[in-house]
Amino acid sequence: MPNGGPDNCSTCGFNRRNGGVWRNHAPDESQMPFCQIRGVPVLNDHWTYCENWHTRRPEPAGPIYSSGIYDEHYRRIPWHGAVAPEFVSSGRCSECGEAIHDGIVIPVVEGAPLGFCSNLHYLEWWKRQHQGEDAPMSRDILES
């Protein structure tokens, strides 16, 4: 099992390299990881997730998730649409202004990337950007 848990994109039947086979033990390594139902490349597929792995329905359900900053355990944070959160070792948090030592960053089209010092601050920003959307795989962050 990959370190990211058993329900990640590397074991998903919707990942093109798995050819529709769930937990494929012989994926087509000549293919790049690619989510066929969302039409996006998934470069870090062992640490990327979505609810469709569990439902196995071909209609996208909720956002794509990455493993966030390690906080007592790995927590899942939603992507910003088709943009995966990235990790940084320095910067300033866009939410609270504090220095970032191990944080999250989201690249933006026009301007400097947005940085976050914690999974919680990223998720608070994400919820404002995605009003009306839910990120159930991230609920434990809000409950901590």
N, C-alpha and C. Protein backbone atom coordinates (compact mmCIF):
# COMPACT_ATOMS: atom_id res chain seq x y z
N MET A 1 0.85 -1.18 0.00
CA MET A 1 0.00 0.00 0.00
C MET A 1 0.89 1.24 0.00
N PRO A 2 0.59 2.22 -0.86
CA PRO A 2 1.35 3.47 -0.84
C PRO A 2 1.19 4.16 0.51
N ASN A 3 2.16 5.00 0.86
CA ASN A 3 2.12 5.71 2.13
C ASN A 3 0.91 6.62 2.27
N GLY A 4 0.32 7.04 1.17
CA GLY A 4 -0.80 7.95 1.21
C GLY A 4 -2.13 7.29 1.53
N GLY A 5 -2.15 6.01 1.81
CA GLY A 5 -3.38 5.30 2.11
C GLY A 5 -3.84 4.49 0.91
N PRO A 6 -4.80 3.61 1.11
CA PRO A 6 -5.23 2.72 0.03
C PRO A 6 -6.17 3.35 -0.98
N ASP A 7 -6.75 4.50 -0.66
CA ASP A 7 -7.77 5.11 -1.52
C ASP A 7 -7.26 6.30 -2.31
N ASN A 8 -6.03 6.21 -2.80
CA ASN A 8 -5.48 7.34 -3.55
C ASN A 8 -5.62 7.11 -5.05
N CYS A 9 -5.28 8.13 -5.81
CA CYS A 9 -5.45 8.09 -7.26
C CYS A 9 -4.59 7.03 -7.94
N SER A 10 -3.49 6.61 -7.32
CA SER A 10 -2.65 5.60 -7.95
C SER A 10 -3.35 4.25 -8.03
N THR A 11 -4.37 4.04 -7.20
CA THR A 11 -5.11 2.77 -7.19
C THR A 11 -6.51 2.90 -7.79
N CYS A 12 -6.81 4.06 -8.36
CA CYS A 12 -8.16 4.35 -8.87
C CYS A 12 -8.35 3.85 -10.29
N GLY A 13 -9.49 3.28 -10.55
CA GLY A 13 -9.83 2.82 -11.89
C GLY A 13 -10.04 3.95 -12.87
N PHE A 14 -10.28 5.18 -12.39
CA PHE A 14 -10.46 6.33 -13.27
C PHE A 14 -9.12 6.96 -13.66
N ASN A 15 -8.03 6.48 -13.07
CA ASN A 15 -6.69 6.93 -13.46
C ASN A 15 -6.35 6.19 -14.76
N ARG A 16 -6.11 6.94 -15.82
CA ARG A 16 -5.90 6.36 -17.15
C ARG A 16 -4.86 5.23 -17.13
N ARG A 17 -3.82 5.37 -16.35
CA ARG A 17 -2.76 4.34 -16.35
C ARG A 17 -3.24 3.01 -15.77
N ASN A 18 -4.38 3.01 -15.07
CA ASN A 18 -4.92 1.76 -14.52
C ASN A 18 -5.90 1.07 -15.45
N GLY A 19 -6.26 1.70 -16.54
CA GLY A 19 -7.12 1.07 -17.53
C GLY A 19 -8.45 0.56 -16.99
N GLY A 20 -9.03 1.28 -16.03
CA GLY A 20 -10.32 0.89 -15.48
C GLY A 20 -10.24 -0.17 -14.39
N VAL A 21 -9.04 -0.59 -14.02
CA VAL A 21 -8.86 -1.63 -13.00
C VAL A 21 -8.55 -0.96 -11.66
N TRP A 22 -9.36 -1.28 -10.64
CA TRP A 22 -9.15 -0.74 -9.29
C TRP A 22 -8.04 -1.54 -8.62
N ARG A 23 -7.16 -0.82 -7.94
CA ARG A 23 -6.00 -1.42 -7.26
C ARG A 23 -5.18 -2.26 -8.23
N ASN A 24 -4.98 -1.71 -9.40
CA ASN A 24 -4.25 -2.39 -10.47
C ASN A 24 -2.80 -2.65 -10.01
N HIS A 25 -2.39 -3.89 -10.01
CA HIS A 25 -1.04 -4.24 -9.58
C HIS A 25 -0.03 -4.10 -10.72
N ALA A 26 -0.51 -3.84 -11.93
CA ALA A 26 0.37 -3.68 -13.09
C ALA A 26 -0.11 -2.51 -13.94
N PRO A 27 -0.06 -1.26 -13.39
CA PRO A 27 -0.50 -0.12 -14.19
C PRO A 27 0.40 0.09 -15.39
N ASP A 28 -0.13 0.76 -16.39
CA ASP A 28 0.63 1.07 -17.60
C ASP A 28 1.57 2.24 -17.29
N GLU A 29 2.81 1.92 -16.96
CA GLU A 29 3.77 2.95 -16.56
C GLU A 29 4.15 3.89 -17.70
N SER A 30 3.78 3.55 -18.94
CA SER A 30 4.06 4.46 -20.05
C SER A 30 3.07 5.62 -20.06
N GLN A 31 1.99 5.51 -19.31
CA GLN A 31 0.98 6.57 -19.20
C GLN A 31 1.28 7.45 -17.98
N MET A 32 1.09 8.74 -18.12
CA MET A 32 1.17 9.64 -16.97
C MET A 32 -0.13 9.51 -16.19
N PRO A 33 -0.09 9.65 -14.85
CA PRO A 33 -1.33 9.63 -14.09
C PRO A 33 -2.26 10.74 -14.59
N PHE A 34 -3.49 10.36 -14.91
CA PHE A 34 -4.44 11.32 -15.47
C PHE A 34 -5.84 10.89 -15.06
N CYS A 35 -6.59 11.80 -14.46
CA CYS A 35 -7.97 11.52 -14.05
C CYS A 35 -8.88 11.66 -15.26
N GLN A 36 -9.44 10.54 -15.68
CA GLN A 36 -10.29 10.55 -16.87
C GLN A 36 -11.64 11.22 -16.65
N ILE A 37 -12.16 11.20 -15.43
CA ILE A 37 -13.48 11.82 -15.22
C ILE A 37 -13.38 13.32 -14.99
N ARG A 38 -12.22 13.82 -14.63
CA ARG A 38 -12.06 15.25 -14.40
C ARG A 38 -11.22 15.93 -15.47
N GLY A 39 -10.51 15.10 -16.26
CA GLY A 39 -9.69 15.64 -17.34
C GLY A 39 -8.46 16.41 -16.86
N VAL A 40 -7.85 15.97 -15.76
CA VAL A 40 -6.67 16.66 -15.23
C VAL A 40 -5.53 15.67 -14.96
N PRO A 41 -4.29 16.12 -15.19
CA PRO A 41 -3.15 15.29 -14.80
C PRO A 41 -3.06 15.26 -13.28
N VAL A 42 -2.64 14.14 -12.74
CA VAL A 42 -2.50 13.97 -11.29
C VAL A 42 -1.06 13.53 -11.05
N LEU A 43 -0.18 14.50 -10.91
CA LEU A 43 1.24 14.21 -10.88
C LEU A 43 1.70 13.48 -9.62
N ASN A 44 1.04 13.70 -8.52
CA ASN A 44 1.41 13.05 -7.26
C ASN A 44 0.29 12.09 -6.86
N ASP A 45 0.06 11.07 -7.68
CA ASP A 45 -1.15 10.24 -7.52
C ASP A 45 -1.18 9.40 -6.26
N HIS A 46 -0.06 9.16 -5.60
CA HIS A 46 -0.07 8.41 -4.35
C HIS A 46 -0.55 9.27 -3.18
N TRP A 47 -0.61 10.59 -3.37
CA TRP A 47 -0.99 11.52 -2.32
C TRP A 47 -2.15 12.41 -2.77
N THR A 48 -2.96 11.90 -3.71
CA THR A 48 -4.11 12.64 -4.24
C THR A 48 -5.34 11.74 -4.13
N TYR A 49 -6.49 12.36 -3.85
CA TYR A 49 -7.70 11.60 -3.51
C TYR A 49 -8.95 12.29 -4.03
N CYS A 50 -10.05 11.55 -4.09
CA CYS A 50 -11.37 12.15 -4.27
C CYS A 50 -12.43 11.14 -3.85
N GLU A 51 -13.64 11.62 -3.72
CA GLU A 51 -14.74 10.77 -3.28
C GLU A 51 -15.11 9.71 -4.31
N ASN A 52 -14.76 9.94 -5.58
CA ASN A 52 -15.11 8.97 -6.62
C ASN A 52 -14.40 7.64 -6.45
N TRP A 53 -13.29 7.63 -5.74
CA TRP A 53 -12.61 6.36 -5.46
C TRP A 53 -13.57 5.46 -4.66
N HIS A 54 -14.34 6.07 -3.78
CA HIS A 54 -15.26 5.32 -2.92
C HIS A 54 -16.59 5.03 -3.61
N THR A 55 -17.10 5.98 -4.40
CA THR A 55 -18.40 5.78 -5.04
C THR A 55 -18.27 4.97 -6.33
N ARG A 56 -17.12 5.12 -6.99
CA ARG A 56 -16.85 4.51 -8.29
C ARG A 56 -17.81 4.98 -9.37
N ARG A 57 -18.41 6.12 -9.15
CA ARG A 57 -19.30 6.72 -10.15
C ARG A 57 -18.48 7.62 -11.07
N PRO A 58 -18.79 7.63 -12.36
CA PRO A 58 -17.98 8.39 -13.31
C PRO A 58 -18.30 9.89 -13.36
N GLU A 59 -19.22 10.38 -12.55
CA GLU A 59 -19.49 11.82 -12.48
C GLU A 59 -18.69 12.37 -11.31
N PRO A 60 -17.92 13.44 -11.52
CA PRO A 60 -17.11 13.99 -10.44
C PRO A 60 -17.94 14.32 -9.20
N ALA A 61 -17.47 13.86 -8.05
CA ALA A 61 -18.12 14.11 -6.76
C ALA A 61 -17.17 14.91 -5.89
N GLY A 62 -17.49 16.17 -5.67
CA GLY A 62 -16.66 17.01 -4.81
C GLY A 62 -15.31 17.32 -5.43
N PRO A 63 -14.45 17.96 -4.63
CA PRO A 63 -13.15 18.37 -5.14
C PRO A 63 -12.14 17.22 -5.15
N ILE A 64 -11.02 17.47 -5.79
CA ILE A 64 -9.84 16.63 -5.68
C ILE A 64 -9.12 17.08 -4.41
N TYR A 65 -8.45 16.17 -3.73
CA TYR A 65 -7.73 16.49 -2.50
C TYR A 65 -6.26 16.10 -2.60
N SER A 66 -5.44 16.82 -1.86
CA SER A 66 -4.03 16.47 -1.64
C SER A 66 -3.85 16.20 -0.16
N SER A 67 -2.79 15.51 0.19
CA SER A 67 -2.42 15.45 1.59
C SER A 67 -1.88 16.82 1.97
N GLY A 68 -2.40 17.35 3.05
CA GLY A 68 -1.97 18.66 3.50
C GLY A 68 -0.72 18.55 4.35
N ILE A 69 -0.48 19.57 5.15
CA ILE A 69 0.65 19.59 6.07
C ILE A 69 0.40 18.53 7.13
N TYR A 70 1.44 17.80 7.49
CA TYR A 70 1.29 16.78 8.55
C TYR A 70 0.95 17.50 9.84
N ASP A 71 -0.19 17.14 10.44
CA ASP A 71 -0.70 17.76 11.66
C ASP A 71 -1.31 16.66 12.52
N GLU A 72 -0.48 16.01 13.33
CA GLU A 72 -0.83 14.83 14.12
C GLU A 72 -1.02 13.60 13.24
N HIS A 73 -1.53 13.80 12.05
CA HIS A 73 -1.62 12.77 11.01
C HIS A 73 -1.82 13.51 9.69
N TYR A 74 -1.83 12.75 8.61
CA TYR A 74 -2.05 13.39 7.32
C TYR A 74 -3.51 13.80 7.20
N ARG A 75 -3.73 15.01 6.74
CA ARG A 75 -5.07 15.55 6.56
C ARG A 75 -5.23 15.93 5.09
N ARG A 76 -6.43 15.77 4.60
CA ARG A 76 -6.68 16.03 3.18
C ARG A 76 -7.24 17.42 2.97
N ILE A 77 -6.63 18.13 2.04
CA ILE A 77 -7.08 19.48 1.72
C ILE A 77 -7.52 19.52 0.25
N PRO A 78 -8.59 20.25 -0.05
CA PRO A 78 -9.09 20.28 -1.43
C PRO A 78 -8.20 21.10 -2.35
N TRP A 79 -8.16 20.69 -3.59
CA TRP A 79 -7.51 21.49 -4.62
C TRP A 79 -8.35 22.75 -4.85
N HIS A 80 -7.72 23.75 -5.38
CA HIS A 80 -8.41 24.99 -5.80
C HIS A 80 -8.80 24.79 -7.26
N GLY A 81 -9.94 24.15 -7.48
CA GLY A 81 -10.35 23.77 -8.84
C GLY A 81 -9.41 22.71 -9.37
N ALA A 82 -8.73 23.01 -10.48
CA ALA A 82 -7.78 22.06 -11.06
C ALA A 82 -6.35 22.36 -10.62
N VAL A 83 -6.19 23.24 -9.63
CA VAL A 83 -4.87 23.63 -9.15
C VAL A 83 -4.57 22.92 -7.84
N ALA A 84 -3.51 22.12 -7.85
CA ALA A 84 -3.11 21.39 -6.64
C ALA A 84 -2.33 22.30 -5.70
N PRO A 85 -2.62 22.23 -4.39
CA PRO A 85 -1.80 22.96 -3.43
C PRO A 85 -0.35 22.45 -3.50
N GLU A 86 0.57 23.35 -3.29
CA GLU A 86 1.99 23.00 -3.25
C GLU A 86 2.50 23.32 -1.85
N PHE A 87 3.70 22.85 -1.55
CA PHE A 87 4.24 23.03 -0.21
C PHE A 87 5.50 23.88 -0.25
N VAL A 88 5.63 24.73 0.76
CA VAL A 88 6.76 25.65 0.85
C VAL A 88 7.35 25.60 2.25
N SER A 89 8.60 26.05 2.36
CA SER A 89 9.25 26.06 3.67
C SER A 89 9.40 27.47 4.24
N SER A 90 8.97 28.47 3.46
CA SER A 90 9.03 29.84 3.97
C SER A 90 8.01 30.71 3.25
N GLY A 91 7.76 31.86 3.84
CA GLY A 91 6.81 32.80 3.27
C GLY A 91 5.98 33.44 4.36
N ARG A 92 4.88 34.05 3.96
CA ARG A 92 3.99 34.72 4.90
C ARG A 92 2.57 34.25 4.63
N CYS A 93 1.82 33.96 5.70
CA CYS A 93 0.46 33.44 5.58
C CYS A 93 -0.49 34.55 5.10
N SER A 94 -1.25 34.25 4.06
CA SER A 94 -2.22 35.20 3.52
C SER A 94 -3.41 35.42 4.45
N GLU A 95 -3.62 34.51 5.39
CA GLU A 95 -4.76 34.62 6.31
C GLU A 95 -4.41 35.40 7.57
N CYS A 96 -3.28 35.05 8.20
CA CYS A 96 -2.97 35.66 9.49
C CYS A 96 -1.72 36.54 9.48
N GLY A 97 -0.95 36.49 8.40
CA GLY A 97 0.26 37.32 8.30
C GLY A 97 1.48 36.73 8.99
N GLU A 98 1.33 35.60 9.65
CA GLU A 98 2.46 34.97 10.35
C GLU A 98 3.44 34.37 9.35
N ALA A 99 4.68 34.19 9.82
CA ALA A 99 5.70 33.56 8.99
C ALA A 99 5.35 32.09 8.76
N ILE A 100 5.64 31.62 7.57
CA ILE A 100 5.43 30.21 7.22
C ILE A 100 6.76 29.49 7.34
N HIS A 101 6.75 28.37 8.05
CA HIS A 101 7.95 27.53 8.15
C HIS A 101 7.76 26.25 7.35
N ASP A 102 6.64 25.65 7.45
CA ASP A 102 6.20 24.53 6.60
C ASP A 102 4.77 24.85 6.25
N GLY A 103 4.52 25.23 5.01
CA GLY A 103 3.19 25.69 4.67
C GLY A 103 2.73 25.27 3.30
N ILE A 104 1.63 25.86 2.91
CA ILE A 104 0.94 25.54 1.67
C ILE A 104 0.95 26.80 0.81
N VAL A 105 1.05 26.61 -0.49
CA VAL A 105 0.98 27.73 -1.40
C VAL A 105 0.10 27.35 -2.59
N ILE A 106 -0.65 28.33 -3.07
CA ILE A 106 -1.46 28.17 -4.27
C ILE A 106 -0.97 29.21 -5.27
N PRO A 107 -0.53 28.75 -6.45
CA PRO A 107 -0.15 29.72 -7.47
C PRO A 107 -1.38 30.45 -7.99
N VAL A 108 -1.24 31.71 -8.31
CA VAL A 108 -2.34 32.48 -8.88
C VAL A 108 -1.91 33.02 -10.24
N VAL A 109 -2.87 33.27 -11.09
CA VAL A 109 -2.56 33.70 -12.46
C VAL A 109 -1.93 35.08 -12.48
N GLU A 110 -2.53 36.01 -11.78
CA GLU A 110 -2.02 37.38 -11.79
C GLU A 110 -1.61 37.77 -10.38
N GLY A 111 -0.33 37.63 -10.08
CA GLY A 111 0.16 38.03 -8.77
C GLY A 111 0.99 36.94 -8.12
N ALA A 112 1.44 37.26 -6.93
CA ALA A 112 2.27 36.33 -6.17
C ALA A 112 1.43 35.17 -5.66
N PRO A 113 2.03 34.00 -5.50
CA PRO A 113 1.29 32.87 -4.94
C PRO A 113 0.75 33.21 -3.55
N LEU A 114 -0.35 32.60 -3.19
CA LEU A 114 -0.93 32.78 -1.85
C LEU A 114 -0.37 31.71 -0.93
N GLY A 115 0.14 32.13 0.22
CA GLY A 115 0.71 31.19 1.18
C GLY A 115 -0.17 31.02 2.40
N PHE A 116 -0.06 29.86 3.02
CA PHE A 116 -0.85 29.55 4.21
C PHE A 116 0.02 28.79 5.21
N CYS A 117 -0.10 29.16 6.48
CA CYS A 117 0.74 28.56 7.52
C CYS A 117 0.18 27.25 8.06
N SER A 118 -1.07 26.94 7.71
CA SER A 118 -1.69 25.73 8.26
C SER A 118 -2.77 25.21 7.31
N ASN A 119 -3.14 23.96 7.52
CA ASN A 119 -4.25 23.38 6.77
C ASN A 119 -5.53 24.17 7.04
N LEU A 120 -5.73 24.58 8.29
CA LEU A 120 -6.93 25.32 8.66
C LEU A 120 -7.02 26.65 7.91
N HIS A 121 -5.94 27.41 7.86
CA HIS A 121 -5.99 28.70 7.17
C HIS A 121 -6.20 28.52 5.66
N TYR A 122 -5.60 27.48 5.09
CA TYR A 122 -5.86 27.20 3.68
C TYR A 122 -7.33 26.86 3.48
N LEU A 123 -7.87 25.99 4.32
CA LEU A 123 -9.26 25.57 4.17
C LEU A 123 -10.22 26.74 4.37
N GLU A 124 -9.95 27.63 5.30
CA GLU A 124 -10.80 28.81 5.49
C GLU A 124 -10.81 29.68 4.22
N TRP A 125 -9.64 29.88 3.62
CA TRP A 125 -9.56 30.62 2.35
C TRP A 125 -10.32 29.88 1.26
N TRP A 126 -10.09 28.55 1.17
CA TRP A 126 -10.74 27.74 0.14
C TRP A 126 -12.25 27.85 0.23
N LYS A 127 -12.81 27.81 1.43
CA LYS A 127 -14.26 27.88 1.61
C LYS A 127 -14.81 29.23 1.11
N ARG A 128 -14.07 30.31 1.30
CA ARG A 128 -14.53 31.60 0.78
C ARG A 128 -14.48 31.63 -0.75
N GLN A 129 -13.51 30.96 -1.34
CA GLN A 129 -13.37 30.92 -2.79
C GLN A 129 -14.38 29.97 -3.45
N HIS A 130 -14.85 29.01 -2.72
CA HIS A 130 -15.71 27.95 -3.25
C HIS A 130 -17.02 27.90 -2.47
N GLN A 131 -17.66 29.04 -2.35
CA GLN A 131 -18.91 29.12 -1.60
C GLN A 131 -19.94 28.17 -2.19
N GLY A 132 -20.63 27.47 -1.34
CA GLY A 132 -21.65 26.52 -1.77
C GLY A 132 -21.08 25.13 -2.05
N GLU A 133 -19.75 24.99 -2.07
CA GLU A 133 -19.13 23.68 -2.26
C GLU A 133 -18.78 23.10 -0.90
N ASP A 134 -18.69 21.80 -0.86
CA ASP A 134 -18.34 21.12 0.38
C ASP A 134 -17.06 20.33 0.15
N ALA A 135 -16.30 20.15 1.20
CA ALA A 135 -15.07 19.35 1.15
C ALA A 135 -15.11 18.35 2.31
N PRO A 136 -15.94 17.32 2.21
CA PRO A 136 -16.13 16.41 3.34
C PRO A 136 -14.86 15.69 3.80
N MET A 137 -13.91 15.46 2.92
CA MET A 137 -12.67 14.79 3.34
C MET A 137 -11.79 15.71 4.18
N SER A 138 -12.18 16.98 4.33
CA SER A 138 -11.41 17.95 5.12
C SER A 138 -12.11 18.33 6.42
N ARG A 139 -13.24 17.75 6.71
CA ARG A 139 -14.00 18.16 7.90
C ARG A 139 -13.21 18.03 9.19
N ASP A 140 -12.32 17.03 9.27
CA ASP A 140 -11.56 16.86 10.50
C ASP A 140 -10.64 18.06 10.79
N ILE A 141 -10.28 18.82 9.77
CA ILE A 141 -9.45 20.01 9.98
C ILE A 141 -10.23 21.05 10.75
N LEU A 142 -11.48 21.24 10.39
CA LEU A 142 -12.33 22.24 11.07
C LEU A 142 -12.70 21.81 12.47
N GLU A 143 -12.69 20.51 12.73
CA GLU A 143 -13.09 19.97 14.03
C GLU A 143 -11.92 19.90 15.01
N SER A 144 -10.69 20.11 14.53
CA SER A 144 -9.52 20.00 15.40
C SER A 144 -9.42 21.13 16.37
